[in-house]
C-alpha atoms as a PDB file:
ATOM      1  CA  MET A   1      72.441 134.893  47.694  1.00  0.00           C
ATOM      2  CA  LYS A   2      73.409 136.383  51.040  1.00  0.00           C
ATOM      3  CA  SER A   3      70.081 137.843  52.095  1.00  0.00           C
ATOM      4  CA  LYS A   4      66.469 138.108  51.044  1.00  0.00           C
ATOM      5  CA  ASN A   5      66.983 141.816  50.428  1.00  0.00           C
ATOM      6  CA  GLU A   6      69.308 140.906  47.562  1.00  0.00           C
ATOM      7  CA  PHE A   7      66.521 138.795  46.066  1.00  0.00           C
ATOM      8  CA  TYR A   8      63.834 141.431  46.684  1.00  0.00           C
ATOM      9  CA  LYS A   9      65.847 144.094  44.877  1.00  0.00           C
ATOM     10  CA  ALA A  10      66.564 141.861  41.870  1.00  0.00           C
ATOM     11  CA  PHE A  11      63.001 140.493  41.677  1.00  0.00           C
ATOM     12  CA  PHE A  12      61.216 143.833  42.005  1.00  0.00           C
ATOM     13  CA  GLU A  13      63.519 145.447  39.439  1.00  0.00           C
ATOM     14  CA  ALA A  14      62.798 142.547  37.057  1.00  0.00           C
ATOM     15  CA  LEU A  15      59.044 143.058  37.580  1.00  0.00           C
ATOM     16  CA  ASN A  16      59.459 146.757  36.730  1.00  0.00           C
ATOM     17  CA  ARG A  17      61.113 145.822  33.453  1.00  0.00           C
ATOM     18  CA  LEU A  18      58.061 143.694  32.579  1.00  0.00           C
ATOM     19  CA  GLY A  19      55.687 146.583  33.213  1.00  0.00           C
ATOM     20  CA  TYR A  20      54.703 145.857  36.809  1.00  0.00           C
ATOM     21  CA  ASP A  21      54.877 148.337  39.675  1.00  0.00           C
ATOM     22  CA  VAL A  22      55.888 147.221  43.151  1.00  0.00           C
ATOM     23  CA  LYS A  23      55.106 149.188  46.299  1.00  0.00           C
ATOM     24  CA  LYS A  24      55.620 148.555  49.989  1.00  0.00           C
ATOM     25  CA  SER A  25      52.365 147.158  51.317  1.00  0.00           C
ATOM     26  CA  THR A  26      50.394 149.186  53.829  1.00  0.00           C
ATOM     27  CA  SER A  27      49.097 145.948  55.339  1.00  0.00           C
ATOM     28  CA  ALA A  28      51.115 144.074  57.940  1.00  0.00           C
ATOM     29  CA  ASP A  29      50.008 140.834  56.281  1.00  0.00           C
ATOM     30  CA  TYR A  30      51.970 141.542  53.104  1.00  0.00           C
ATOM     31  CA  TYR A  31      55.500 142.639  52.291  1.00  0.00           C
ATOM     32  CA  ALA A  32      54.747 144.226  48.914  1.00  0.00           C
ATOM     33  CA  ASP A  33      51.850 144.933  46.550  1.00  0.00           C
ATOM     34  CA  ILE A  34      52.353 144.115  42.859  1.00  0.00           C
ATOM     35  CA  TYR A  35      50.491 146.377  40.415  1.00  0.00           C
ATOM     36  CA  LYS A  36      49.590 145.938  36.745  1.00  0.00           C
ATOM     37  CA  ASN A  37      47.876 148.744  34.827  1.00  0.00           C
ATOM     38  CA  GLY A  38      47.197 150.615  38.060  1.00  0.00           C
ATOM     39  CA  GLN A  39      45.573 147.684  39.886  1.00  0.00           C
ATOM     40  CA  ILE A  40      46.949 145.391  42.567  1.00  0.00           C
ATOM     41  CA  VAL A  41      47.145 141.964  40.955  1.00  0.00           C
ATOM     42  CA  ALA A  42      49.172 140.105  43.575  1.00  0.00           C
ATOM     43  CA  PHE A  43      50.657 140.284  47.044  1.00  0.00           C
ATOM     44  CA  TYR A  44      54.144 139.233  48.116  1.00  0.00           C
ATOM     45  CA  LEU A  45      53.974 137.758  51.626  1.00  0.00           C
ATOM     46  CA  PRO A  46      56.670 137.798  54.330  1.00  0.00           C
ATOM     47  CA  ASN A  47      56.923 133.989  54.070  1.00  0.00           C
ATOM     48  CA  ASP A  48      57.989 134.387  50.416  1.00  0.00           C
ATOM     49  CA  THR A  49      54.762 133.227  48.812  1.00  0.00           C
ATOM     50  CA  ILE A  50      52.824 135.146  46.168  1.00  0.00           C
ATOM     51  CA  GLU A  51      49.041 135.407  46.383  1.00  0.00           C
ATOM     52  CA  LYS A  52      46.543 136.539  43.765  1.00  0.00           C
ATOM     53  CA  ASN A  53      44.348 139.533  44.593  1.00  0.00           C
ATOM     54  CA  PRO A  54      40.945 137.889  45.180  1.00  0.00           C
ATOM     55  CA  PHE A  55      38.973 141.093  44.684  1.00  0.00           C
ATOM     56  CA  ILE A  56      39.686 141.544  40.959  1.00  0.00           C
ATOM     57  CA  THR A  57      39.974 139.232  37.977  1.00  0.00           C
ATOM     58  CA  VAL A  58      43.601 138.166  37.550  1.00  0.00           C
ATOM     59  CA  THR A  59      44.443 135.655  34.831  1.00  0.00           C
ATOM     60  CA  GLU A  60      46.561 132.585  35.500  1.00  0.00           C
ATOM     61  CA  LYS A  61      48.892 133.817  32.765  1.00  0.00           C
ATOM     62  CA  VAL A  62      49.721 136.900  34.852  1.00  0.00           C
ATOM     63  CA  MET A  63      50.241 134.863  38.024  1.00  0.00           C
ATOM     64  CA  ASP A  64      52.410 132.332  36.190  1.00  0.00           C
ATOM     65  CA  GLU A  65      54.524 135.160  34.765  1.00  0.00           C
ATOM     66  CA  ILE A  66      55.089 136.660  38.231  1.00  0.00           C
ATOM     67  CA  LYS A  67      55.873 133.328  39.906  1.00  0.00           C
ATOM     68  CA  ASP A  68      58.130 132.135  37.079  1.00  0.00           C
ATOM     69  CA  LEU A  69      60.050 135.401  37.259  1.00  0.00           C
ATOM     70  CA  ALA A  70      60.429 135.026  41.038  1.00  0.00           C
ATOM     71  CA  ARG A  71      61.821 131.532  40.641  1.00  0.00           C
ATOM     72  CA  THR A  72      64.170 132.542  37.808  1.00  0.00           C
ATOM     73  CA  THR A  73      65.436 135.517  39.824  1.00  0.00           C
ATOM     74  CA  ALA A  74      66.027 133.345  42.898  1.00  0.00           C
ATOM     75  CA  LEU A  75      68.090 130.920  40.820  1.00  0.00           C
ATOM     76  CA  ARG A  76      70.097 133.772  39.308  1.00  0.00           C
ATOM     77  CA  CYS A  77      70.834 135.157  42.772  1.00  0.00           C
ATOM     78  CA  GLY A  78      72.426 131.842  43.706  1.00  0.00           C
ATOM     79  CA  ILE A  79      70.492 129.516  45.998  1.00  0.00           C
ATOM     80  CA  CYS A  80      70.854 125.908  47.122  1.00  0.00           C
ATOM     81  CA  THR A  81      68.978 123.692  44.680  1.00  0.00           C
ATOM     82  CA  GLU A  82      70.611 120.462  45.825  1.00  0.00           C
ATOM     83  CA  LYS A  83      68.821 118.816  48.750  1.00  0.00           C
ATOM     84  CA  PRO A  84      71.254 119.056  51.684  1.00  0.00           C
ATOM     85  CA  TYR A  85      69.652 116.357  53.829  1.00  0.00           C
ATOM     86  CA  THR A  86      67.989 112.921  53.593  1.00  0.00           C
ATOM     87  CA  ASP A  87      65.229 111.223  55.533  1.00  0.00           C
ATOM     88  CA  GLN A  88      67.961 109.821  57.763  1.00  0.00           C
ATOM     89  CA  ASN A  89      68.663 113.280  59.178  1.00  0.00           C
ATOM     90  CA  GLN A  90      66.973 114.115  62.439  1.00  0.00           C
ATOM     91  CA  LYS A  91      63.819 116.165  61.934  1.00  0.00           C
ATOM     92  CA  LEU A  92      63.613 119.139  64.288  1.00  0.00           C
ATOM     93  CA  PRO A  93      60.547 120.960  65.634  1.00  0.00           C
ATOM     94  CA  GLY A  94      59.283 123.313  62.929  1.00  0.00           C
ATOM     95  CA  GLY A  95      60.145 121.018  60.037  1.00  0.00           C
ATOM     96  CA  ALA A  96      63.879 121.713  59.656  1.00  0.00           C
ATOM     97  CA  TYR A  97      66.437 118.906  59.457  1.00  0.00           C
ATOM     98  CA  LEU A  98      69.600 118.730  61.519  1.00  0.00           C
ATOM     99  CA  LEU A  99      72.728 118.851  59.361  1.00  0.00           C
ATOM    100  CA  THR A 100      75.375 119.009  62.055  1.00  0.00           C
ATOM    101  CA  GLN A 101      75.986 120.188  65.608  1.00  0.00           C
ATOM    102  CA  PHE A 102      79.089 121.170  67.553  1.00  0.00           C
ATOM    103  CA  ASN A 103      78.651 121.781  71.273  1.00  0.00           C
ATOM    104  CA  ASP A 104      75.663 124.133  71.521  1.00  0.00           C
ATOM    105  CA  VAL A 105      75.759 125.423  67.907  1.00  0.00           C
ATOM    106  CA  VAL A 106      73.420 123.831  65.343  1.00  0.00           C
ATOM    107  CA  LEU A 107      73.310 123.925  61.533  1.00  0.00           C
ATOM    108  CA  ALA A 108      69.943 122.961  60.041  1.00  0.00           C
ATOM    109  CA  ALA A 109      68.090 123.246  56.720  1.00  0.00           C
ATOM    110  CA  LYS A 110      64.461 123.389  55.674  1.00  0.00           C
ATOM    111  CA  TYR A 111      62.658 123.128  52.343  1.00  0.00           C
ATOM    112  CA  HIS A 112      61.472 126.477  50.972  1.00  0.00           C
ATOM    113  CA  PRO A 113      58.880 126.781  48.167  1.00  0.00           C
ATOM    114  CA  LEU A 114      60.778 129.586  46.404  1.00  0.00           C
ATOM    115  CA  PHE A 115      64.411 129.353  47.519  1.00  0.00           C
ATOM    116  CA  ASP A 116      64.459 125.523  47.598  1.00  0.00           C
ATOM    117  CA  TYR A 117      66.476 125.134  50.806  1.00  0.00           C
ATOM    118  CA  VAL A 118      67.024 127.711  53.523  1.00  0.00           C
ATOM    119  CA  PHE A 119      69.732 127.210  56.126  1.00  0.00           C
ATOM    120  CA  ARG A 120      69.837 128.375  59.712  1.00  0.00           C
ATOM    121  CA  THR A 121      72.354 128.354  62.520  1.00  0.00           C
ATOM    122  CA  TYR A 122      71.487 128.860  66.149  1.00  0.00           C
ATOM    123  CA  ARG A 123      72.615 128.220  69.691  1.00  0.00           C
ATOM    124  CA  LEU A 124      70.819 125.996  72.139  1.00  0.00           C
ATOM    125  CA  SER A 125      69.774 127.725  75.312  1.00  0.00           C
ATOM    126  CA  PRO A 126      71.682 126.185  78.265  1.00  0.00           C
ATOM    127  CA  GLU A 127      68.525 126.326  80.393  1.00  0.00           C
ATOM    128  CA  SER A 128      65.787 125.141  78.012  1.00  0.00           C
ATOM    129  CA  GLU A 129      67.718 123.631  75.080  1.00  0.00           C
ATOM    130  CA  LYS A 130      65.574 125.824  72.801  1.00  0.00           C
ATOM    131  CA  PRO A 131      67.017 127.696  69.775  1.00  0.00           C
ATOM    132  CA  MET A 132      68.278 131.230  70.313  1.00  0.00           C
ATOM    133  CA  GLN A 133      70.288 133.731  68.257  1.00  0.00           C
ATOM    134  CA  THR A 134      68.940 132.169  65.055  1.00  0.00           C
ATOM    135  CA  GLN A 135      70.421 133.366  61.758  1.00  0.00           C
ATOM    136  CA  HIS A 136      69.117 132.414  58.296  1.00  0.00           C
ATOM    137  CA  TYR A 137      71.191 131.877  55.153  1.00  0.00           C
ATOM    138  CA  TYR A 138      70.231 131.388  51.523  1.00  0.00           C
ATOM    139  CA  ASN A 139      73.560 130.023  50.365  1.00  0.00           C
ATOM    140  CA  LYS A 140      74.969 126.674  51.507  1.00  0.00           C
ATOM    141  CA  ALA A 141      78.622 127.733  51.465  1.00  0.00           C
ATOM    142  CA  GLU A 142      77.954 130.852  53.550  1.00  0.00           C
ATOM    143  CA  ALA A 143      75.820 128.866  56.013  1.00  0.00           C
ATOM    144  CA  MET A 144      78.615 126.350  56.573  1.00  0.00           C
ATOM    145  CA  GLU A 145      81.217 129.101  56.949  1.00  0.00           C
ATOM    146  CA  GLN A 146      79.105 130.937  59.519  1.00  0.00           C
ATOM    147  CA  PHE A 147      78.408 127.714  61.399  1.00  0.00           C
ATOM    148  CA  ALA A 148      82.149 127.046  61.633  1.00  0.00           C
ATOM    149  CA  LEU A 149      82.710 130.580  62.928  1.00  0.00           C
ATOM    150  CA  ARG A 150      79.910 130.465  65.487  1.00  0.00           C
ATOM    151  CA  ALA A 151      81.035 127.036  66.697  1.00  0.00           C
ATOM    152  CA  GLY A 152      84.616 128.244  67.085  1.00  0.00           C
ATOM    153  CA  LEU A 153      85.947 125.755  64.519  1.00  0.00           C
ATOM    154  CA  VAL A 154      87.537 128.645  62.605  1.00  0.00           C
ATOM    155  CA  ASP A 155      89.398 131.592  64.123  1.00  0.00           C
ATOM    156  CA  ALA A 156      87.509 134.682  62.942  1.00  0.00           C
ATOM    157  CA  ARG A 157      90.607 136.845  63.569  1.00  0.00           C
ATOM    158  CA  LYS A 158      92.353 135.123  60.661  1.00  0.00           C
ATOM    159  CA  LEU A 159      89.597 135.939  58.171  1.00  0.00           C
ATOM    160  CA  PHE A 160      88.976 139.064  56.109  1.00  0.00           C
ATOM    161  CA  SER A 161      85.576 140.487  55.271  1.00  0.00           C
ATOM    162  CA  GLU A 162      84.622 141.123  51.643  1.00  0.00           C
ATOM    163  CA  THR A 163      85.100 144.861  52.208  1.00  0.00           C
ATOM    164  CA  GLU A 164      88.570 144.299  53.619  1.00  0.00           C
ATOM    165  CA  LEU A 165      89.478 141.978  50.732  1.00  0.00           C
ATOM    166  CA  THR A 166      88.351 144.637  48.247  1.00  0.00           C
ATOM    167  CA  LEU A 167      90.616 147.257  49.812  1.00  0.00           C
ATOM    168  CA  ILE A 168      93.593 144.884  49.858  1.00  0.00           C
ATOM    169  CA  HIS A 169      92.863 143.763  46.283  1.00  0.00           C
ATOM    170  CA  ASP A 170      92.835 147.330  44.971  1.00  0.00           C
ATOM    171  CA  GLN A 171      96.191 148.134  46.557  1.00  0.00           C
ATOM    172  CA  LEU A 172      97.737 144.971  45.157  1.00  0.00           C
ATOM    173  CA  VAL A 173      96.457 145.793  41.668  1.00  0.00           C
ATOM    174  CA  ILE A 174      97.942 149.295  41.947  1.00  0.00           C
ATOM    175  CA  PHE A 175     101.258 147.720  42.946  1.00  0.00           C
ATOM    176  CA  GLN A 176     100.945 145.323  40.000  1.00  0.00           C
ATOM    177  CA  ILE A 177     100.345 148.006  37.355  1.00  0.00           C
ATOM    178  CA  SER A 178     102.676 150.584  38.858  1.00  0.00           C
ATOM    179  CA  PRO A 179     105.879 151.071  36.826  1.00  0.00           C
ATOM    180  CA  ASN A 180     107.915 150.713  40.002  1.00  0.00           C
ATOM    181  CA  ASN A 181     111.452 149.675  39.205  1.00  0.00           C
ATOM    182  CA  ASN A 182     112.155 148.657  42.791  1.00  0.00           C
ATOM    183  CA  LYS A 183     109.863 145.592  42.870  1.00  0.00           C
ATOM    184  CA  THR A 184     111.495 142.234  42.280  1.00  0.00           C
ATOM    185  CA  VAL A 185     110.289 139.479  39.974  1.00  0.00           C
ATOM    186  CA  ASP A 186     109.371 137.348  43.008  1.00  0.00           C
ATOM    187  CA  GLU A 187     107.327 140.181  44.511  1.00  0.00           C
ATOM    188  CA  PHE A 188     105.503 140.765  41.226  1.00  0.00           C
ATOM    189  CA  GLN A 189     104.703 137.060  40.756  1.00  0.00           C
ATOM    190  CA  THR A 190     103.542 136.713  44.359  1.00  0.00           C
ATOM    191  CA  VAL A 191     101.218 139.699  44.022  1.00  0.00           C
ATOM    192  CA  CYS A 192      99.763 138.321  40.779  1.00  0.00           C
ATOM    193  CA  SER A 193      99.140 134.981  42.468  1.00  0.00           C
ATOM    194  CA  VAL A 194      97.407 136.601  45.461  1.00  0.00           C
ATOM    195  CA  ILE A 195      95.212 138.734  43.165  1.00  0.00           C
ATOM    196  CA  ASP A 196      94.115 135.601  41.270  1.00  0.00           C
ATOM    197  CA  ARG A 197      93.225 133.836  44.535  1.00  0.00           C
ATOM    198  CA  MET A 198      91.246 136.819  45.809  1.00  0.00           C
ATOM    199  CA  GLU A 199      89.311 137.144  42.544  1.00  0.00           C
ATOM    200  CA  GLU A 200      88.516 133.439  42.715  1.00  0.00           C
ATOM    201  CA  LEU A 201      87.113 133.914  46.228  1.00  0.00           C
ATOM    202  CA  VAL A 202      85.230 137.113  45.344  1.00  0.00           C
ATOM    203  CA  PRO A 203      84.379 137.012  41.590  1.00  0.00           C
ATOM    204  CA  SER A 204      83.019 140.582  41.651  1.00  0.00           C
ATOM    205  CA  LEU A 205      86.600 141.811  42.134  1.00  0.00           C
ATOM    206  CA  LYS A 206      87.316 140.885  38.502  1.00  0.00           C
ATOM    207  CA  GLU A 207      84.821 143.534  37.402  1.00  0.00           C
ATOM    208  CA  ARG A 208      86.448 146.330  39.386  1.00  0.00           C
ATOM    209  CA  GLU A 209      88.336 148.956  37.409  1.00  0.00           C
ATOM    210  CA  VAL A 210      91.403 149.941  39.365  1.00  0.00           C
ATOM    211  CA  THR A 211      93.450 152.781  37.895  1.00  0.00           C
ATOM    212  CA  LEU A 212      96.766 154.240  38.906  1.00  0.00           C
ATOM    213  CA  ASP A 213      96.724 157.781  40.304  1.00  0.00           C
ATOM    214  CA  TYR A 214     100.007 158.965  38.834  1.00  0.00           C
ATOM    215  CA  GLU A 215     100.234 162.168  40.869  1.00  0.00           C
ATOM    216  CA  GLN A 216      99.559 160.364  44.116  1.00  0.00           C
ATOM    217  CA  GLU A 217     101.927 157.520  43.299  1.00  0.00           C
ATOM    218  CA  PHE A 218     104.772 159.485  41.737  1.00  0.00           C
ATOM    219  CA  GLY A 219     104.142 163.099  42.792  1.00  0.00           C
ATOM    220  CA  ARG A 220     106.729 162.817  45.573  1.00  0.00           C
ATOM    221  CA  ASP A 221     109.276 161.396  43.121  1.00  0.00           C
ATOM    222  CA  SER A 222     108.576 164.263  40.703  1.00  0.00           C
ATOM    223  CA  ALA A 223     109.069 166.840  43.441  1.00  0.00           C
ATOM    224  CA  LEU A 224     112.305 165.178  44.473  1.00  0.00           C
ATOM    225  CA  GLU A 225     113.458 165.120  40.858  1.00  0.00           C
ATOM    226  CA  ARG A 226     112.737 168.853  40.480  1.00  0.00           C
ATOM    227  CA  TYR A 227     114.645 169.527  43.675  1.00  0.00           C
ATOM    228  CA  ARG A 228     117.654 167.612  42.345  1.00  0.00           C
ATOM    229  CA  ASP A 229     117.463 169.495  39.050  1.00  0.00           C
ATOM    230  CA  GLU A 230     117.472 172.800  40.913  1.00  0.00           C
ATOM    231  CA  ILE A 231     120.524 171.751  42.966  1.00  0.00           C
ATOM    232  CA  GLU A 232     122.368 170.671  39.834  1.00  0.00           C
ATOM    233  CA  PHE A 233     121.441 173.929  38.105  1.00  0.00           C
ATOM    234  CA  GLU A 234     122.753 175.992  41.027  1.00  0.00           C
ATOM    235  CA  GLU A 235     125.981 173.980  41.084  1.00  0.00           C
ATOM    236  CA  ASP A 236     126.397 174.532  37.345  1.00  0.00           C
ATOM    237  CA  MET A 237     125.900 178.267  37.797  1.00  0.00           C
ATOM    238  CA  GLU A 238     128.522 178.387  40.530  1.00  0.00           C
ATOM    239  CA  VAL A 239     131.002 176.699  38.195  1.00  0.00           C
END
């Protein structure tokens, strides 16, 4: 899970399928209001907790259904369920635990009642040593990657974004399926290997349907072929 918005979308859509309605709350205290049969039965709070509406009768069965669905959805979105720290890790102000630090960049994690463990990276202010430029992550692998980038342990110029990888992947697939007689066996095998590696890094690429636009790919060849045919026809007529 890369962001809470990904979870919100999946969770609220799942609630809709169970007969609940979800609307943006008009109160600053809540993120969303959860309706059942036209009545607000629960509130989703900005701190990712779910509260029962105290002004109407809401059964525990309804609350359990909502909370169980939230937890199931969070797991499906891909969160860190394995505790990333021990009691030996330094406890930071606010309850988070220090995982690692490089120069002024810190990687920390904190227990979360819904997402299990939430990660954060931040810089220490050179004047006050207080956190600044804090970023939160809901996936351990992404948190570690971003920490390495922010700390300068990895050269960002050598990395591709997911959007860039998708564009490159599509062009490689077109090359792979194109009946191009000019490509060598080595080129074909190399392209296949790169496609496999990219799909391993970004599994969603496997689901993409990439088709060959024949006119775009071979239209120029067809025009050239027609031109050659016309030249040959004219030469034949002259003979």
